[in-house]
Amino acid sequence: MVKDIIEKFPNQKKRQKDFKCSLGFAMTVIGSKWRAIVLWHILKGQPIRYGQLKKSIPSISHKILAQELKYLESDGLIERIAYATIPPRVEYISTDRGKSLEHVLTELCIWGRKYMEK
């Protein structure tokens, strides 16, 4: 099973070698400054368009948002759906793998809110 995942997502192979524990590996997948936040907004409002994401996270730059979306897609956490329309329309939805992180992100959000209040 793990071998199938590594073959499907080749950039995970290198990251798995960098860590001996699964927590370290998991943090490389969702642990950047913006990645978990972008995924959180996609989970909350899917399907969601790029412009809606940018409005939801106003302090993220266009470059970083595009980069984080590519990372999330390459890790199999989101899916990019492009429609052949004029003007072009793109929507993002979470995959089952991305949805499996919803509980984790919710708990982190609750913990962060409590921590900020103190």
N, C-alpha and C. Protein backbone atom coordinates (compact mmCIF):
# COMPACT_ATOMS: atom_id res chain seq x y z
N MET A 1 0.82 -1.20 0.00
CA MET A 1 0.00 0.00 0.00
C MET A 1 0.87 1.26 0.00
N VAL A 2 1.84 1.34 0.92
CA VAL A 2 2.71 2.51 0.98
C VAL A 2 3.50 2.64 -0.30
N LYS A 3 3.96 1.53 -0.86
CA LYS A 3 4.72 1.56 -2.11
C LYS A 3 3.87 2.14 -3.24
N ASP A 4 2.59 1.78 -3.29
CA ASP A 4 1.68 2.32 -4.31
C ASP A 4 1.55 3.84 -4.17
N ILE A 5 1.46 4.31 -2.94
CA ILE A 5 1.34 5.74 -2.70
C ILE A 5 2.61 6.46 -3.14
N ILE A 6 3.76 5.89 -2.82
CA ILE A 6 5.03 6.52 -3.20
C ILE A 6 5.16 6.58 -4.71
N GLU A 7 4.76 5.52 -5.41
CA GLU A 7 4.85 5.52 -6.87
C GLU A 7 3.90 6.54 -7.48
N LYS A 8 2.73 6.72 -6.87
CA LYS A 8 1.75 7.67 -7.39
C LYS A 8 2.19 9.12 -7.13
N PHE A 9 2.85 9.34 -6.00
CA PHE A 9 3.29 10.68 -5.61
C PHE A 9 4.81 10.63 -5.37
N PRO A 10 5.61 10.73 -6.44
CA PRO A 10 7.06 10.50 -6.33
C PRO A 10 7.79 11.47 -5.42
N ASN A 11 7.30 12.70 -5.24
CA ASN A 11 8.00 13.64 -4.37
C ASN A 11 7.92 13.22 -2.90
N GLN A 12 7.02 12.29 -2.57
CA GLN A 12 6.92 11.81 -1.20
C GLN A 12 8.09 10.89 -0.84
N LYS A 13 8.66 10.21 -1.82
CA LYS A 13 9.75 9.28 -1.56
C LYS A 13 10.93 9.98 -0.91
N LYS A 14 11.33 11.13 -1.44
CA LYS A 14 12.44 11.87 -0.88
C LYS A 14 12.11 12.37 0.52
N ARG A 15 10.89 12.90 0.68
CA ARG A 15 10.51 13.41 1.99
C ARG A 15 10.45 12.30 3.04
N GLN A 16 10.06 11.10 2.65
CA GLN A 16 10.01 10.00 3.61
C GLN A 16 11.41 9.63 4.09
N LYS A 17 12.41 9.77 3.23
CA LYS A 17 13.79 9.46 3.63
C LYS A 17 14.31 10.48 4.64
N ASP A 18 13.78 11.70 4.62
CA ASP A 18 14.25 12.76 5.51
C ASP A 18 13.80 12.57 6.95
N PHE A 19 12.76 11.77 7.18
CA PHE A 19 12.19 11.64 8.51
C PHE A 19 12.07 10.18 8.92
N LYS A 20 12.36 9.93 10.17
CA LYS A 20 12.20 8.58 10.70
C LYS A 20 10.83 8.41 11.34
N CYS A 21 10.13 9.51 11.59
CA CYS A 21 8.80 9.40 12.22
C CYS A 21 7.74 9.94 11.26
N SER A 22 6.55 9.45 11.43
CA SER A 22 5.46 9.84 10.54
C SER A 22 5.01 11.27 10.79
N LEU A 23 5.20 11.80 12.00
CA LEU A 23 4.81 13.18 12.28
C LEU A 23 5.65 14.16 11.46
N GLY A 24 6.93 13.92 11.39
CA GLY A 24 7.80 14.78 10.58
C GLY A 24 7.40 14.77 9.12
N PHE A 25 7.09 13.57 8.62
CA PHE A 25 6.65 13.46 7.23
C PHE A 25 5.33 14.20 7.03
N ALA A 26 4.38 14.01 7.95
CA ALA A 26 3.08 14.68 7.83
C ALA A 26 3.25 16.20 7.83
N MET A 27 4.17 16.69 8.62
CA MET A 27 4.37 18.14 8.68
C MET A 27 4.96 18.68 7.37
N THR A 28 5.70 17.86 6.63
CA THR A 28 6.18 18.33 5.33
C THR A 28 5.04 18.44 4.33
N VAL A 29 3.99 17.66 4.53
CA VAL A 29 2.85 17.70 3.62
C VAL A 29 1.97 18.90 3.91
N ILE A 30 1.67 19.17 5.19
CA ILE A 30 0.73 20.26 5.52
C ILE A 30 1.36 21.36 6.35
N GLY A 31 2.66 21.30 6.61
CA GLY A 31 3.26 22.17 7.60
C GLY A 31 3.82 23.49 7.14
N SER A 32 3.63 23.89 5.91
CA SER A 32 4.15 25.20 5.51
C SER A 32 3.27 26.29 6.13
N LYS A 33 3.71 27.50 6.03
CA LYS A 33 2.96 28.61 6.63
C LYS A 33 1.54 28.69 6.08
N TRP A 34 1.35 28.40 4.79
CA TRP A 34 0.05 28.61 4.16
C TRP A 34 -0.69 27.35 3.77
N ARG A 35 0.00 26.24 3.62
CA ARG A 35 -0.62 25.05 3.03
C ARG A 35 -1.86 24.57 3.77
N ALA A 36 -1.78 24.46 5.09
CA ALA A 36 -2.93 23.99 5.87
C ALA A 36 -4.09 24.98 5.78
N ILE A 37 -3.77 26.27 5.73
CA ILE A 37 -4.81 27.29 5.63
C ILE A 37 -5.53 27.21 4.29
N VAL A 38 -4.78 27.04 3.22
CA VAL A 38 -5.38 26.90 1.89
C VAL A 38 -6.26 25.66 1.85
N LEU A 39 -5.76 24.55 2.36
CA LEU A 39 -6.55 23.32 2.38
C LEU A 39 -7.81 23.50 3.21
N TRP A 40 -7.69 24.17 4.33
CA TRP A 40 -8.84 24.43 5.20
C TRP A 40 -9.94 25.19 4.45
N HIS A 41 -9.57 26.21 3.71
CA HIS A 41 -10.56 26.99 2.95
C HIS A 41 -11.17 26.17 1.82
N ILE A 42 -10.40 25.30 1.21
CA ILE A 42 -10.95 24.43 0.16
C ILE A 42 -11.94 23.45 0.78
N LEU A 43 -11.60 22.91 1.93
CA LEU A 43 -12.51 21.97 2.61
C LEU A 43 -13.82 22.65 3.01
N LYS A 44 -13.74 23.90 3.44
CA LYS A 44 -14.93 24.62 3.90
C LYS A 44 -15.85 25.01 2.77
N GLY A 45 -15.31 25.37 1.61
CA GLY A 45 -16.15 25.95 0.57
C GLY A 45 -16.01 25.28 -0.77
N GLN A 46 -15.95 23.97 -0.79
CA GLN A 46 -15.71 23.35 -2.09
C GLN A 46 -16.98 23.14 -2.87
N PRO A 47 -16.94 23.19 -4.18
CA PRO A 47 -15.77 23.60 -4.95
C PRO A 47 -15.55 25.11 -4.79
N ILE A 48 -14.29 25.50 -4.87
CA ILE A 48 -13.94 26.91 -4.68
C ILE A 48 -13.01 27.35 -5.81
N ARG A 49 -13.22 28.57 -6.26
CA ARG A 49 -12.40 29.10 -7.34
C ARG A 49 -11.21 29.86 -6.77
N TYR A 50 -10.22 30.08 -7.63
CA TYR A 50 -8.99 30.75 -7.21
C TYR A 50 -9.28 32.11 -6.58
N GLY A 51 -10.13 32.90 -7.23
CA GLY A 51 -10.45 34.24 -6.72
C GLY A 51 -11.10 34.21 -5.35
N GLN A 52 -11.95 33.22 -5.13
CA GLN A 52 -12.59 33.08 -3.82
C GLN A 52 -11.55 32.72 -2.75
N LEU A 53 -10.62 31.86 -3.12
CA LEU A 53 -9.55 31.51 -2.18
C LEU A 53 -8.72 32.74 -1.83
N LYS A 54 -8.37 33.51 -2.84
CA LYS A 54 -7.55 34.71 -2.61
C LYS A 54 -8.28 35.69 -1.70
N LYS A 55 -9.59 35.86 -1.89
CA LYS A 55 -10.36 36.75 -1.02
C LYS A 55 -10.45 36.21 0.40
N SER A 56 -10.49 34.90 0.54
CA SER A 56 -10.58 34.28 1.86
C SER A 56 -9.27 34.41 2.64
N ILE A 57 -8.16 34.50 1.91
CA ILE A 57 -6.83 34.60 2.53
C ILE A 57 -6.14 35.83 1.96
N PRO A 58 -6.56 37.03 2.34
CA PRO A 58 -6.06 38.24 1.68
C PRO A 58 -4.56 38.50 1.86
N SER A 59 -3.95 37.98 2.91
CA SER A 59 -2.53 38.28 3.13
C SER A 59 -1.58 37.36 2.37
N ILE A 60 -2.10 36.37 1.64
CA ILE A 60 -1.25 35.50 0.83
C ILE A 60 -1.06 36.13 -0.55
N SER A 61 0.15 36.04 -1.06
CA SER A 61 0.41 36.59 -2.40
C SER A 61 -0.09 35.62 -3.46
N HIS A 62 -0.29 36.13 -4.66
CA HIS A 62 -0.74 35.29 -5.76
C HIS A 62 0.28 34.19 -6.05
N LYS A 63 1.55 34.54 -6.01
CA LYS A 63 2.61 33.57 -6.29
C LYS A 63 2.58 32.42 -5.30
N ILE A 64 2.48 32.74 -4.02
CA ILE A 64 2.48 31.71 -2.98
C ILE A 64 1.21 30.88 -3.04
N LEU A 65 0.07 31.51 -3.29
CA LEU A 65 -1.18 30.76 -3.39
C LEU A 65 -1.10 29.75 -4.54
N ALA A 66 -0.62 30.19 -5.69
CA ALA A 66 -0.48 29.28 -6.83
C ALA A 66 0.49 28.14 -6.51
N GLN A 67 1.57 28.47 -5.84
CA GLN A 67 2.58 27.47 -5.47
C GLN A 67 1.99 26.45 -4.49
N GLU A 68 1.27 26.92 -3.48
CA GLU A 68 0.69 26.00 -2.49
C GLU A 68 -0.39 25.12 -3.12
N LEU A 69 -1.16 25.67 -4.04
CA LEU A 69 -2.16 24.86 -4.74
C LEU A 69 -1.49 23.74 -5.53
N LYS A 70 -0.36 24.06 -6.17
CA LYS A 70 0.37 23.03 -6.92
C LYS A 70 0.90 21.93 -5.99
N TYR A 71 1.42 22.34 -4.83
CA TYR A 71 1.91 21.35 -3.87
C TYR A 71 0.76 20.45 -3.38
N LEU A 72 -0.35 21.07 -3.02
CA LEU A 72 -1.49 20.29 -2.53
C LEU A 72 -2.00 19.33 -3.59
N GLU A 73 -2.00 19.79 -4.84
CA GLU A 73 -2.44 18.92 -5.93
C GLU A 73 -1.44 17.78 -6.16
N SER A 74 -0.15 18.10 -6.13
CA SER A 74 0.86 17.05 -6.36
C SER A 74 0.87 16.02 -5.23
N ASP A 75 0.47 16.41 -4.03
CA ASP A 75 0.39 15.47 -2.91
C ASP A 75 -0.94 14.72 -2.88
N GLY A 76 -1.82 15.02 -3.83
CA GLY A 76 -3.07 14.30 -3.90
C GLY A 76 -4.11 14.73 -2.86
N LEU A 77 -3.95 15.94 -2.31
CA LEU A 77 -4.89 16.43 -1.30
C LEU A 77 -6.04 17.22 -1.91
N ILE A 78 -5.80 17.82 -3.08
CA ILE A 78 -6.85 18.54 -3.78
C ILE A 78 -6.84 18.15 -5.25
N GLU A 79 -7.92 18.48 -5.90
CA GLU A 79 -8.03 18.24 -7.34
C GLU A 79 -8.36 19.56 -8.01
N ARG A 80 -7.69 19.82 -9.12
CA ARG A 80 -7.93 21.03 -9.91
C ARG A 80 -8.81 20.65 -11.08
N ILE A 81 -9.94 21.34 -11.20
CA ILE A 81 -10.87 21.08 -12.29
C ILE A 81 -10.90 22.31 -13.19
N ALA A 82 -10.42 22.14 -14.42
CA ALA A 82 -10.38 23.24 -15.38
C ALA A 82 -11.53 23.06 -16.38
N TYR A 83 -12.29 24.12 -16.58
CA TYR A 83 -13.40 24.10 -17.53
C TYR A 83 -12.98 24.83 -18.80
N ALA A 84 -13.33 24.28 -19.92
CA ALA A 84 -12.97 24.87 -21.22
C ALA A 84 -13.98 25.95 -21.58
N THR A 85 -13.90 27.06 -20.89
CA THR A 85 -14.79 28.19 -21.15
C THR A 85 -13.96 29.43 -21.39
N ILE A 86 -14.61 30.45 -21.90
CA ILE A 86 -13.97 31.75 -22.07
C ILE A 86 -14.73 32.72 -21.19
N PRO A 87 -14.12 33.35 -20.23
CA PRO A 87 -12.75 33.17 -19.75
C PRO A 87 -12.59 31.81 -19.06
N PRO A 88 -11.36 31.34 -18.97
CA PRO A 88 -11.13 30.04 -18.34
C PRO A 88 -11.62 30.02 -16.89
N ARG A 89 -12.15 28.90 -16.49
CA ARG A 89 -12.66 28.76 -15.12
C ARG A 89 -12.00 27.53 -14.49
N VAL A 90 -11.47 27.70 -13.29
CA VAL A 90 -10.82 26.62 -12.57
C VAL A 90 -11.42 26.56 -11.18
N GLU A 91 -11.71 25.34 -10.73
CA GLU A 91 -12.21 25.12 -9.38
C GLU A 91 -11.33 24.10 -8.69
N TYR A 92 -11.30 24.19 -7.37
CA TYR A 92 -10.52 23.26 -6.56
C TYR A 92 -11.45 22.55 -5.59
N ILE A 93 -11.27 21.23 -5.49
CA ILE A 93 -12.01 20.45 -4.52
C ILE A 93 -11.01 19.55 -3.79
N SER A 94 -11.37 19.12 -2.61
CA SER A 94 -10.48 18.22 -1.89
C SER A 94 -10.74 16.79 -2.33
N THR A 95 -9.70 16.00 -2.31
CA THR A 95 -9.82 14.58 -2.60
C THR A 95 -10.17 13.87 -1.29
N ASP A 96 -10.38 12.57 -1.37
CA ASP A 96 -10.64 11.81 -0.14
C ASP A 96 -9.47 11.91 0.82
N ARG A 97 -8.26 11.93 0.27
CA ARG A 97 -7.07 12.08 1.12
C ARG A 97 -7.07 13.45 1.81
N GLY A 98 -7.45 14.49 1.09
CA GLY A 98 -7.55 15.82 1.69
C GLY A 98 -8.64 15.89 2.74
N LYS A 99 -9.78 15.26 2.45
CA LYS A 99 -10.88 15.24 3.41
C LYS A 99 -10.49 14.51 4.69
N SER A 100 -9.59 13.56 4.59
CA SER A 100 -9.16 12.83 5.79
C SER A 100 -8.42 13.73 6.77
N LEU A 101 -7.96 14.89 6.32
CA LEU A 101 -7.27 15.84 7.20
C LEU A 101 -8.22 16.84 7.85
N GLU A 102 -9.48 16.82 7.48
CA GLU A 102 -10.43 17.81 8.00
C GLU A 102 -10.50 17.78 9.52
N HIS A 103 -10.57 16.59 10.11
CA HIS A 103 -10.65 16.48 11.57
C HIS A 103 -9.39 17.05 12.22
N VAL A 104 -8.23 16.72 11.65
CA VAL A 104 -6.96 17.20 12.19
C VAL A 104 -6.90 18.73 12.13
N LEU A 105 -7.27 19.30 10.99
CA LEU A 105 -7.23 20.75 10.84
C LEU A 105 -8.25 21.43 11.75
N THR A 106 -9.41 20.83 11.94
CA THR A 106 -10.41 21.37 12.85
C THR A 106 -9.86 21.41 14.27
N GLU A 107 -9.24 20.33 14.69
CA GLU A 107 -8.67 20.29 16.05
C GLU A 107 -7.55 21.32 16.21
N LEU A 108 -6.72 21.48 15.18
CA LEU A 108 -5.67 22.51 15.24
C LEU A 108 -6.28 23.91 15.33
N CYS A 109 -7.37 24.13 14.61
CA CYS A 109 -8.06 25.41 14.65
C CYS A 109 -8.60 25.69 16.06
N ILE A 110 -9.22 24.70 16.66
CA ILE A 110 -9.76 24.84 18.02
C ILE A 110 -8.63 25.11 19.01
N TRP A 111 -7.54 24.34 18.88
CA TRP A 111 -6.40 24.54 19.76
C TRP A 111 -5.83 25.95 19.60
N GLY A 112 -5.69 26.40 18.36
CA GLY A 112 -5.15 27.74 18.10
C GLY A 112 -6.02 28.83 18.68
N ARG A 113 -7.34 28.67 18.56
CA ARG A 113 -8.27 29.67 19.11
C ARG A 113 -8.11 29.75 20.63
N LYS A 114 -8.05 28.60 21.28
CA LYS A 114 -7.88 28.57 22.74
C LYS A 114 -6.54 29.18 23.15
N TYR A 115 -5.49 28.87 22.41
CA TYR A 115 -4.16 29.38 22.71
C TYR A 115 -4.12 30.90 22.55
N MET A 116 -4.79 31.42 21.52
CA MET A 116 -4.81 32.87 21.28
C MET A 116 -5.55 33.62 22.37
N GLU A 117 -6.56 32.99 22.96
CA GLU A 117 -7.35 33.65 23.99
C GLU A 117 -6.60 33.81 25.31
N LYS A 118 -5.57 33.02 25.51
CA LYS A 118 -4.83 33.08 26.78
C LYS A 118 -3.73 34.07 26.75
